[in-house]
Amino acid sequence: MEIKLQKQNLLYGLQKVLSVTTAKTNLPILSYVLLNTEKNELKIIATDLDIGIISKIPIENIESGSICLPSRKFFDIIRELPFEDVEIFTKKNNITIIKNKSCEFKIMGLNSEEFPKLPEFKESQAIKIKEEVLKEALSLVSFAVSLEEARYVLNGVLFYFSNNKLEVVATDGRRLAIKEEKLPYSLNKEIKMIIPIKTIHELERNLNETEESEVEVIFGKNQVGFGWEDLIIISRLIEGDFPDYKQVIPQEVHPKIKIERQFFLGAIRRASLLSTPDYQAVKLEVFKDKLVVSKSTPDMGESYEEIPIEYGGKELFIGFNPDYLIDVLKNLKEDTVEFELTESEKPGVIRRPGYIYIVLPMRLG
């Protein structure tokens, strides 16, 4: 293998894949990246056996080939190289030379045959989703994923395709987030897949809010692939049945509490400063024209804040885990949110077209 390329392009490609390489593994090859050249394109491939990421970079390809290089060391070398042009070529025994006009490194690589092969999607169905649509959907549900290993089915995000609709769903048993998107075409069958949260985080990290760009979603057996522009992410799926979330969606209620999102978010954040593991709940008191957000923690202190609202219903008080409200409020984009509350023991609901967020209350005191 012998190639020439721009340092910044190589750094950009390496940054896309580094997060799935790890030195803490019984398989040393998983701390390496595979470099593979085809025509005038370099593919940088990394995997942890659950996720595989392929980053594609334009190059001047002098001699095709492939090599495995230690990911972190390779990245550090490229980052510190002076000047912009980089040459990389391999010699006997997987010795790899990295050089430019004033600097040269020689590092030991591994044979590309040792690198795990990523799944191939044969005779698979694929659909396309706008990049900005997928990014927004993930941002509005991913925070609700359960992090408890015992509840492995909830350790990911459900993608449910039916007819011309996609539902993206996450829950940890105490809150539920559902984002619905219309597709420009109908599928000929229902598809349900639970994508691990680590894969979701990789998607969120790499997706852009680009209206024109589309992401191709490819369905395979126990695998899914996401491909766009210069990147492909392949992931295993979580096996199991996702809970029937539609049973717990409350009927829409009126009147709703209309409140400025940033005021609400700021007040919850400030009250949460006094939260402790034993005293998490923040108290909300709802009146006709104001919402009182307060927090009292023994041996620590108290806070009290009033926010103007529009509301025509009965007065009530209720407690919530502040993090569960902060997570949704910081990801919504609307200036005003509508909050549905009915009783102190019943869930709170935030709705907007195509989105529902349900959160269970907490006992106060």
Protein backbone atom coordinates (compact mmCIF):
# COMPACT_ATOMS: atom_id res chain seq x y z
CA MET A 1 0.00 0.00 0.00
CA GLU A 2 1.20 3.51 -0.86
CA ILE A 3 -0.97 6.62 -0.60
CA LYS A 4 -0.77 10.41 -0.38
CA LEU A 5 -3.38 12.58 1.31
CA GLN A 6 -4.04 15.72 3.32
CA LYS A 7 -3.30 15.61 7.06
CA GLN A 8 -6.59 17.28 8.02
CA ASN A 9 -8.63 14.84 5.94
CA LEU A 10 -6.90 11.93 7.65
CA LEU A 11 -7.40 13.41 11.12
CA TYR A 12 -11.07 14.01 10.35
CA GLY A 13 -11.54 10.41 9.24
CA LEU A 14 -9.70 8.99 12.25
CA GLN A 15 -11.76 11.07 14.69
CA LYS A 16 -14.91 9.48 13.27
CA VAL A 17 -13.84 5.94 14.21
CA LEU A 18 -11.61 6.28 17.29
CA SER A 19 -14.45 6.10 19.82
CA VAL A 20 -15.12 2.40 19.16
CA THR A 21 -11.50 1.27 19.47
CA THR A 22 -10.37 0.19 22.91
CA ALA A 23 -7.14 -1.00 24.51
CA LYS A 24 -9.10 -2.71 27.32
CA THR A 25 -9.89 -5.92 25.52
CA ASN A 26 -8.77 -9.53 25.31
CA LEU A 27 -8.47 -9.04 21.54
CA PRO A 28 -5.59 -6.61 20.87
CA ILE A 29 -6.71 -6.21 17.23
CA LEU A 30 -9.73 -4.23 18.47
CA SER A 31 -7.38 -1.40 19.46
CA TYR A 32 -6.27 -1.14 15.81
CA VAL A 33 -7.82 0.50 12.77
CA LEU A 34 -7.83 -1.13 9.37
CA LEU A 35 -6.68 1.03 6.44
CA ASN A 36 -7.91 -0.22 3.09
CA THR A 37 -7.47 1.52 -0.26
CA GLU A 38 -9.72 1.21 -3.29
CA LYS A 39 -9.23 3.41 -6.35
CA ASN A 40 -8.79 6.95 -4.98
CA GLU A 41 -10.46 6.30 -1.65
CA LEU A 42 -9.12 5.27 1.74
CA LYS A 43 -11.43 3.40 4.10
CA ILE A 44 -10.59 3.61 7.81
CA ILE A 45 -12.41 0.84 9.68
CA ALA A 46 -12.80 0.27 13.42
CA THR A 47 -14.94 -2.13 15.44
CA ASP A 48 -15.57 -3.36 18.97
CA LEU A 49 -17.52 -6.35 17.59
CA ASP A 50 -20.83 -4.65 18.50
CA ILE A 51 -20.35 -1.55 16.34
CA GLY A 52 -18.31 -1.11 13.17
CA ILE A 53 -17.54 2.31 11.68
CA ILE A 54 -16.17 2.93 8.19
CA SER A 55 -14.85 6.41 7.35
CA LYS A 56 -14.06 7.21 3.71
CA ILE A 57 -11.40 9.74 2.63
CA PRO A 58 -10.24 10.87 -0.83
CA ILE A 59 -6.56 10.07 -1.52
CA GLU A 60 -3.94 9.84 -4.24
CA ASN A 61 -3.66 6.06 -4.50
CA ILE A 62 -0.26 4.98 -5.79
CA GLU A 63 -0.47 1.32 -4.77
CA SER A 64 -3.57 -0.40 -3.37
CA GLY A 65 -3.39 -2.49 -0.22
CA SER A 66 -4.39 -2.71 3.42
CA ILE A 67 -2.79 -2.64 6.87
CA CYS A 68 -3.86 -2.55 10.55
CA LEU A 69 -2.31 0.20 12.67
CA PRO A 70 -2.63 0.94 16.43
CA SER A 71 -5.43 3.51 16.42
CA ARG A 72 -4.44 5.90 19.20
CA LYS A 73 -0.73 5.93 18.35
CA PHE A 74 -1.48 6.42 14.65
CA PHE A 75 -3.83 9.32 15.45
CA ASP A 76 -1.26 10.98 17.77
CA ILE A 77 1.45 10.74 15.11
CA ILE A 78 -0.73 12.26 12.38
CA ARG A 79 -1.91 15.04 14.70
CA GLU A 80 1.65 16.09 15.54
CA LEU A 81 3.04 15.95 12.00
CA PRO A 82 4.20 19.30 10.61
CA PHE A 83 2.91 20.49 7.23
CA GLU A 84 -0.12 19.26 5.40
CA ASP A 85 0.81 16.50 2.95
CA VAL A 86 1.19 12.96 4.33
CA GLU A 87 2.57 9.84 2.66
CA ILE A 88 1.88 6.38 4.06
CA PHE A 89 3.34 3.18 2.66
CA THR A 90 3.87 -0.36 3.89
CA LYS A 91 6.95 -2.56 3.61
CA LYS A 92 7.73 -6.16 4.45
CA ASN A 93 6.57 -7.61 7.78
CA ASN A 94 3.81 -4.95 8.05
CA ILE A 95 6.26 -2.14 8.77
CA THR A 96 4.50 1.13 7.91
CA ILE A 97 6.22 4.41 7.04
CA ILE A 98 4.43 7.70 7.75
CA LYS A 99 6.26 10.74 6.40
CA ASN A 100 6.17 14.20 4.88
CA LYS A 101 8.91 16.48 3.62
CA SER A 102 10.61 16.96 7.00
CA CYS A 103 9.50 14.12 9.28
CA GLU A 104 9.33 10.33 9.17
CA PHE A 105 7.86 7.68 11.49
CA LYS A 106 8.20 3.92 11.20
CA ILE A 107 5.63 1.84 13.13
CA MET A 108 4.72 -1.83 13.29
CA GLY A 109 1.36 -2.82 11.89
CA LEU A 110 -0.58 -6.06 11.73
CA ASN A 111 -1.76 -8.08 8.77
CA SER A 112 -5.19 -6.96 7.60
CA GLU A 113 -6.37 -10.58 7.61
CA GLU A 114 -6.39 -10.47 11.41
CA PHE A 115 -9.01 -7.71 11.50
CA PRO A 116 -12.60 -8.87 12.20
CA LYS A 117 -14.80 -8.83 9.11
CA LEU A 118 -17.82 -6.54 9.32
CA PRO A 119 -21.25 -7.97 8.42
CA GLU A 120 -22.36 -7.86 4.81
CA PHE A 121 -25.95 -6.94 3.98
CA LYS A 122 -27.13 -9.29 1.25
CA GLU A 123 -30.65 -9.10 -0.12
CA SER A 124 -31.50 -6.55 2.54
CA GLN A 125 -34.19 -3.90 2.52
CA ALA A 126 -33.13 -0.26 2.77
CA ILE A 127 -34.88 3.06 3.25
CA LYS A 128 -33.70 6.67 3.29
CA ILE A 129 -34.33 9.26 5.99
CA LYS A 130 -33.31 12.92 5.96
CA GLU A 131 -30.26 13.44 8.13
CA GLU A 132 -31.75 16.34 10.11
CA VAL A 133 -34.95 14.34 10.76
CA LEU A 134 -33.04 11.38 12.20
CA LYS A 135 -30.80 13.63 14.30
CA GLU A 136 -33.75 15.47 15.84
CA ALA A 137 -35.63 12.23 16.55
CA LEU A 138 -32.65 10.74 18.37
CA SER A 139 -32.03 13.93 20.37
CA LEU A 140 -35.63 13.84 21.65
CA VAL A 141 -35.67 10.20 22.82
CA SER A 142 -32.14 8.91 23.52
CA PHE A 143 -31.92 10.44 27.01
CA ALA A 144 -34.82 8.19 28.13
CA VAL A 145 -32.92 4.93 27.48
CA SER A 146 -32.41 2.73 30.55
CA LEU A 147 -28.81 2.31 31.72
CA GLU A 148 -29.62 -0.65 33.98
CA GLU A 149 -27.94 -3.73 32.52
CA ALA A 150 -30.60 -6.06 33.92
CA ARG A 151 -33.18 -4.40 31.66
CA TYR A 152 -31.26 -5.09 28.47
CA VAL A 153 -34.28 -4.67 26.17
CA LEU A 154 -34.55 -1.07 27.40
CA ASN A 155 -30.81 -0.41 26.84
CA GLY A 156 -31.53 0.85 23.34
CA VAL A 157 -33.87 2.84 21.12
CA LEU A 158 -36.75 1.16 19.31
CA PHE A 159 -37.17 1.92 15.60
CA TYR A 160 -40.66 0.85 14.50
CA PHE A 161 -41.42 1.13 10.77
CA SER A 162 -45.01 0.57 9.65
CA ASN A 163 -46.63 1.69 6.39
CA ASN A 164 -45.32 5.23 5.81
CA LYS A 165 -44.45 5.97 9.44
CA LEU A 166 -41.41 5.64 11.69
CA GLU A 167 -41.69 5.71 15.48
CA VAL A 168 -38.50 6.19 17.50
CA VAL A 169 -39.06 5.20 21.14
CA ALA A 170 -37.09 4.98 24.38
CA THR A 171 -38.04 4.31 28.00
CA ASP A 172 -36.36 3.47 31.30
CA GLY A 173 -39.62 2.55 33.04
CA ARG A 174 -39.97 5.97 34.70
CA ARG A 175 -40.28 8.04 31.54
CA LEU A 176 -41.19 7.44 27.93
CA ALA A 177 -40.25 9.43 24.81
CA ILE A 178 -41.85 8.83 21.40
CA LYS A 179 -40.99 10.68 18.18
CA GLU A 180 -43.08 9.98 15.10
CA GLU A 181 -41.94 10.76 11.57
CA LYS A 182 -43.79 10.44 8.28
CA LEU A 183 -41.91 8.66 5.52
CA PRO A 184 -42.27 9.70 1.87
CA TYR A 185 -43.16 6.11 0.91
CA SER A 186 -44.76 3.00 2.40
CA LEU A 187 -42.96 -0.18 3.45
CA ASN A 188 -44.41 -3.54 2.51
CA LYS A 189 -43.97 -4.91 6.03
CA GLU A 190 -43.56 -3.88 9.67
CA ILE A 191 -40.00 -3.68 10.96
CA LYS A 192 -39.04 -3.40 14.64
CA MET A 193 -35.46 -3.16 15.81
CA ILE A 194 -33.84 -2.12 19.09
CA ILE A 195 -30.57 -0.27 18.51
CA PRO A 196 -28.05 -0.20 21.42
CA ILE A 197 -27.52 3.17 23.07
CA LYS A 198 -23.78 3.15 22.20
CA THR A 199 -24.70 3.04 18.51
CA ILE A 200 -27.27 5.80 19.05
CA HIS A 201 -24.57 7.99 20.62
CA GLU A 202 -22.29 7.38 17.62
CA LEU A 203 -25.11 8.42 15.29
CA GLU A 204 -25.83 11.56 17.31
CA ARG A 205 -22.14 12.45 17.34
CA ASN A 206 -21.78 12.16 13.57
CA LEU A 207 -25.14 13.25 12.15
CA ASN A 208 -25.51 16.83 10.95
CA GLU A 209 -28.60 19.02 10.69
CA THR A 210 -28.42 19.04 6.92
CA GLU A 211 -31.70 19.32 5.03
CA GLU A 212 -30.43 17.96 1.72
CA SER A 213 -28.46 14.97 3.01
CA GLU A 214 -30.09 11.59 3.50
CA VAL A 215 -29.14 8.59 5.62
CA GLU A 216 -29.63 5.13 4.14
CA VAL A 217 -30.86 2.63 6.73
CA ILE A 218 -30.14 -0.98 5.75
CA PHE A 219 -31.85 -3.83 7.57
CA GLY A 220 -30.01 -7.12 8.02
CA LYS A 221 -30.43 -10.21 10.18
CA ASN A 222 -29.78 -9.00 13.75
CA GLN A 223 -27.81 -6.09 12.22
CA VAL A 224 -28.51 -2.60 10.94
CA GLY A 225 -26.41 -0.24 8.85
CA PHE A 226 -26.54 3.55 8.55
CA GLY A 227 -24.73 5.11 5.61
CA TRP A 228 -24.31 8.70 4.45
CA GLU A 229 -21.75 10.83 2.64
CA ASP A 230 -18.37 9.66 3.99
CA LEU A 231 -19.43 7.38 6.85
CA ILE A 232 -21.03 3.97 7.47
CA ILE A 233 -22.07 2.73 10.93
CA ILE A 234 -22.96 -0.95 11.34
CA SER A 235 -24.44 -2.25 14.58
CA ARG A 236 -25.78 -5.41 16.12
CA LEU A 237 -29.35 -5.22 17.41
CA ILE A 238 -30.68 -5.95 20.89
CA GLU A 239 -32.75 -9.11 20.77
CA GLY A 240 -36.05 -9.23 22.65
CA ASP A 241 -39.50 -7.66 22.72
CA PHE A 242 -39.84 -3.98 23.50
CA PRO A 243 -42.69 -3.19 25.96
CA ASP A 244 -46.10 -2.21 24.58
CA TYR A 245 -45.60 1.50 25.16
CA LYS A 246 -48.86 2.56 23.53
CA GLN A 247 -50.84 1.22 26.47
CA VAL A 248 -49.39 3.80 28.85
CA ILE A 249 -49.93 6.93 26.75
CA PRO A 250 -52.51 9.09 28.61
CA GLN A 251 -55.39 10.77 26.85
CA GLU A 252 -54.68 14.40 26.03
CA VAL A 253 -56.05 16.73 28.71
CA HIS A 254 -57.10 20.37 28.82
CA PRO A 255 -56.42 22.97 30.00
CA LYS A 256 -52.66 22.71 29.59
CA ILE A 257 -49.99 24.72 31.36
CA LYS A 258 -48.37 27.04 28.81
CA ILE A 259 -44.91 28.08 29.90
CA GLU A 260 -41.78 29.65 28.43
CA ARG A 261 -39.37 26.76 27.91
CA GLN A 262 -36.20 28.61 28.87
CA PHE A 263 -37.80 30.02 32.07
CA PHE A 264 -38.97 26.54 33.03
CA LEU A 265 -35.61 24.94 32.21
CA GLY A 266 -33.68 27.56 34.16
CA ALA A 267 -35.87 27.26 37.25
CA ILE A 268 -35.62 23.45 37.30
CA ARG A 269 -31.84 23.62 36.88
CA ARG A 270 -31.49 26.05 39.76
CA ALA A 271 -33.73 24.01 42.06
CA SER A 272 -31.80 20.84 41.17
CA LEU A 273 -28.65 22.36 42.68
CA LEU A 274 -30.02 21.29 46.07
CA SER A 275 -30.90 17.75 44.99
CA THR A 276 -29.18 14.79 46.61
CA PRO A 277 -29.55 11.02 45.99
CA ASP A 278 -31.87 10.81 49.02
CA TYR A 279 -33.81 14.00 48.21
CA GLN A 280 -34.05 14.19 44.45
CA ALA A 281 -37.54 15.52 43.81
CA VAL A 282 -38.20 19.14 42.89
CA LYS A 283 -41.64 20.47 43.86
CA LEU A 284 -43.94 22.16 41.33
CA GLU A 285 -46.96 24.15 42.60
CA VAL A 286 -49.39 25.15 39.86
CA PHE A 287 -51.62 28.22 40.24
CA LYS A 288 -53.75 30.18 37.75
CA ASP A 289 -51.03 32.50 36.55
CA LYS A 290 -47.80 31.19 38.04
CA LEU A 291 -45.76 28.06 38.61
CA VAL A 292 -43.73 27.83 41.82
CA VAL A 293 -40.59 25.69 41.56
CA SER A 294 -39.10 24.89 44.95
CA LYS A 295 -36.66 22.53 46.61
CA SER A 296 -36.08 21.70 50.25
CA THR A 297 -33.24 19.43 51.34
CA PRO A 298 -32.59 18.71 55.05
CA ASP A 299 -29.22 19.95 56.31
CA MET A 300 -28.60 21.70 52.99
CA GLY A 301 -31.12 24.40 52.28
CA GLU A 302 -34.13 25.59 50.29
CA SER A 303 -34.93 27.35 47.03
CA TYR A 304 -38.07 29.08 45.74
CA GLU A 305 -38.82 30.57 42.32
CA GLU A 306 -41.96 31.82 40.55
CA ILE A 307 -42.53 31.61 36.79
CA PRO A 308 -45.46 33.16 34.87
CA ILE A 309 -47.74 30.67 33.08
CA GLU A 310 -51.05 30.53 31.22
CA TYR A 311 -53.39 28.06 32.90
CA GLY A 312 -57.12 27.73 33.54
CA GLY A 313 -57.30 24.51 35.53
CA LYS A 314 -57.29 23.48 39.19
CA GLU A 315 -54.40 24.21 41.50
CA LEU A 316 -52.14 21.28 42.36
CA PHE A 317 -48.66 20.34 43.50
CA ILE A 318 -46.41 17.52 42.28
CA GLY A 319 -42.80 16.32 42.52
CA PHE A 320 -40.46 15.31 39.69
CA ASN A 321 -36.91 14.12 39.28
CA PRO A 322 -35.39 17.36 37.93
CA ASP A 323 -33.07 15.56 35.51
CA TYR A 324 -36.09 14.04 33.75
CA LEU A 325 -37.48 17.50 33.02
CA ILE A 326 -34.11 19.06 32.17
CA ASP A 327 -33.37 16.33 29.60
CA VAL A 328 -36.47 17.05 27.54
CA LEU A 329 -36.57 20.84 27.96
CA LYS A 330 -32.98 21.35 26.79
CA ASN A 331 -33.60 19.31 23.61
CA LEU A 332 -36.90 20.85 22.55
CA LYS A 333 -36.63 23.87 20.25
CA GLU A 334 -39.99 25.56 20.81
CA ASP A 335 -40.07 28.81 22.79
CA THR A 336 -43.25 27.70 24.61
CA VAL A 337 -44.10 24.23 25.90
CA GLU A 338 -47.44 22.83 26.99
CA PHE A 339 -47.31 20.71 30.12
CA GLU A 340 -50.21 18.42 31.03
CA LEU A 341 -50.79 17.72 34.74
CA THR A 342 -53.94 16.20 36.27
CA GLU A 343 -53.12 14.80 39.72
CA SER A 344 -50.14 14.69 42.08
CA GLU A 345 -49.81 10.90 41.57
CA LYS A 346 -50.27 10.84 37.79
CA PRO A 347 -47.65 11.37 35.06
CA GLY A 348 -46.82 14.70 33.52
CA VAL A 349 -46.96 14.91 29.72
CA ILE A 350 -45.33 17.21 27.18
CA ARG A 351 -46.78 16.96 23.67
CA ARG A 352 -46.08 18.63 20.40
CA PRO A 353 -46.96 17.49 16.87
CA GLY A 354 -45.29 14.10 16.36
CA TYR A 355 -43.80 13.94 19.86
CA ILE A 356 -44.88 12.73 23.30
CA TYR A 357 -42.85 12.74 26.51
CA ILE A 358 -44.32 11.11 29.63
CA VAL A 359 -42.67 11.32 33.04
CA LEU A 360 -43.77 9.72 36.32
CA PRO A 361 -43.92 11.90 39.43
CA MET A 362 -41.82 11.39 42.57
CA ARG A 363 -42.96 11.37 46.14
CA LEU A 364 -42.12 14.61 47.92
CA GLY A 365 -40.37 14.53 51.28
